[in-house]
Amino acid sequence: MTRTVHCVLLKKEAPGLDRPTYPGPLGQRVFAEVSKEAWARWVKHQTMLINEYRLTPVDPKARKLLEGEMEKFFFGEGSATPQDFKQPD
């Protein structure tokens, strides 16, 4: 049976994640309130942030930035794209 959540991003009931995808309290909140579809959108956005800002995800400063952007993406005003970002064709 598929686990469903009321997705905070999609604003509707949707299939939830199979397991927590991030550690700590933020990870538990994401697991409880974020759908698989919304998580996939975050992964795409996060990849763009990593590439545009040339981040190294193992660097503690980069992880902190990405964690803050994840919180904004799901639970805040949204995570903005970098100012000079151009969507690929």
Protein backbone atom coordinates (compact mmCIF):
# COMPACT_ATOMS: atom_id res chain seq x y z
CA MET A 1 0.00 0.00 0.00
CA THR A 2 1.34 3.42 -0.97
CA ARG A 3 1.78 5.94 1.82
CA THR A 4 0.06 9.26 1.09
CA VAL A 5 0.69 12.71 2.50
CA HIS A 6 -0.99 16.07 2.15
CA CYS A 7 1.87 17.62 0.19
CA VAL A 8 2.88 21.06 1.39
CA LEU A 9 4.14 22.02 -2.08
CA LEU A 10 1.39 20.54 -4.28
CA LYS A 11 -1.38 21.39 -1.79
CA LYS A 12 -3.08 18.01 -2.31
CA GLU A 13 -2.96 14.38 -1.26
CA ALA A 14 -0.22 12.54 -3.13
CA PRO A 15 2.03 9.49 -2.76
CA GLY A 16 4.61 10.09 -0.03
CA LEU A 17 8.27 9.26 0.05
CA ASP A 18 9.19 5.62 0.78
CA ARG A 19 11.73 6.60 3.43
CA PRO A 20 13.26 9.76 4.91
CA THR A 21 15.60 11.30 2.34
CA TYR A 22 17.35 13.80 4.60
CA PRO A 23 18.59 13.51 8.19
CA GLY A 24 17.40 15.36 11.27
CA PRO A 25 14.25 17.33 12.05
CA LEU A 26 14.08 18.86 8.56
CA GLY A 27 14.27 15.37 7.04
CA GLN A 28 11.44 14.15 9.27
CA ARG A 29 9.31 17.14 8.29
CA VAL A 30 10.01 16.51 4.60
CA PHE A 31 9.11 12.83 5.03
CA ALA A 32 5.83 13.75 6.74
CA GLU A 33 4.74 16.59 4.44
CA VAL A 34 6.37 16.21 1.01
CA SER A 35 5.25 13.95 -1.84
CA LYS A 36 7.44 11.98 -4.22
CA GLU A 37 6.56 14.40 -7.04
CA ALA A 38 7.51 17.43 -4.95
CA TRP A 39 10.77 15.76 -3.86
CA ALA A 40 11.63 15.12 -7.53
CA ARG A 41 11.06 18.84 -8.23
CA TRP A 42 13.42 19.69 -5.35
CA VAL A 43 16.12 17.32 -6.64
CA LYS A 44 15.96 19.03 -10.05
CA HIS A 45 16.11 22.49 -8.42
CA GLN A 46 18.93 21.42 -6.10
CA THR A 47 20.95 20.09 -9.05
CA MET A 48 20.55 23.45 -10.78
CA LEU A 49 21.72 25.26 -7.61
CA ILE A 50 24.75 22.96 -7.28
CA ASN A 51 25.70 23.54 -10.91
CA GLU A 52 25.05 27.28 -11.03
CA TYR A 53 26.79 28.05 -7.73
CA ARG A 54 29.46 25.38 -8.37
CA LEU A 55 28.81 23.83 -4.98
CA THR A 56 30.48 20.75 -3.54
CA PRO A 57 27.75 18.95 -1.57
CA VAL A 58 30.26 17.50 0.94
CA ASP A 59 31.41 21.00 1.91
CA PRO A 60 29.66 22.02 5.17
CA LYS A 61 28.98 25.56 3.87
CA ALA A 62 27.39 24.19 0.69
CA ARG A 63 25.29 21.72 2.70
CA LYS A 64 24.08 24.53 4.95
CA LEU A 65 23.14 26.66 1.92
CA LEU A 66 21.30 23.75 0.28
CA GLU A 67 19.49 22.93 3.52
CA GLY A 68 18.33 26.54 3.79
CA GLU A 69 17.16 26.50 0.18
CA MET A 70 15.32 23.21 0.76
CA GLU A 71 13.50 24.72 3.73
CA LYS A 72 12.52 27.77 1.64
CA PHE A 73 11.52 25.56 -1.32
CA PHE A 74 9.07 23.47 0.71
CA PHE A 75 8.09 25.53 3.74
CA GLY A 76 8.95 29.15 2.97
CA GLU A 77 8.63 31.65 0.18
CA GLY A 78 10.30 29.33 -2.34
CA SER A 79 13.88 28.93 -3.45
CA ALA A 80 14.83 31.42 -6.15
CA THR A 81 16.96 30.60 -9.13
CA PRO A 82 20.32 32.38 -9.43
CA GLN A 83 20.04 35.83 -10.98
CA ASP A 84 21.91 34.95 -14.21
CA PHE A 85 20.30 31.51 -14.66
CA LYS A 86 18.92 30.78 -18.11
CA GLN A 87 16.67 27.76 -18.59
CA PRO A 88 18.30 25.35 -21.08
CA ASP A 89 16.43 24.87 -24.37
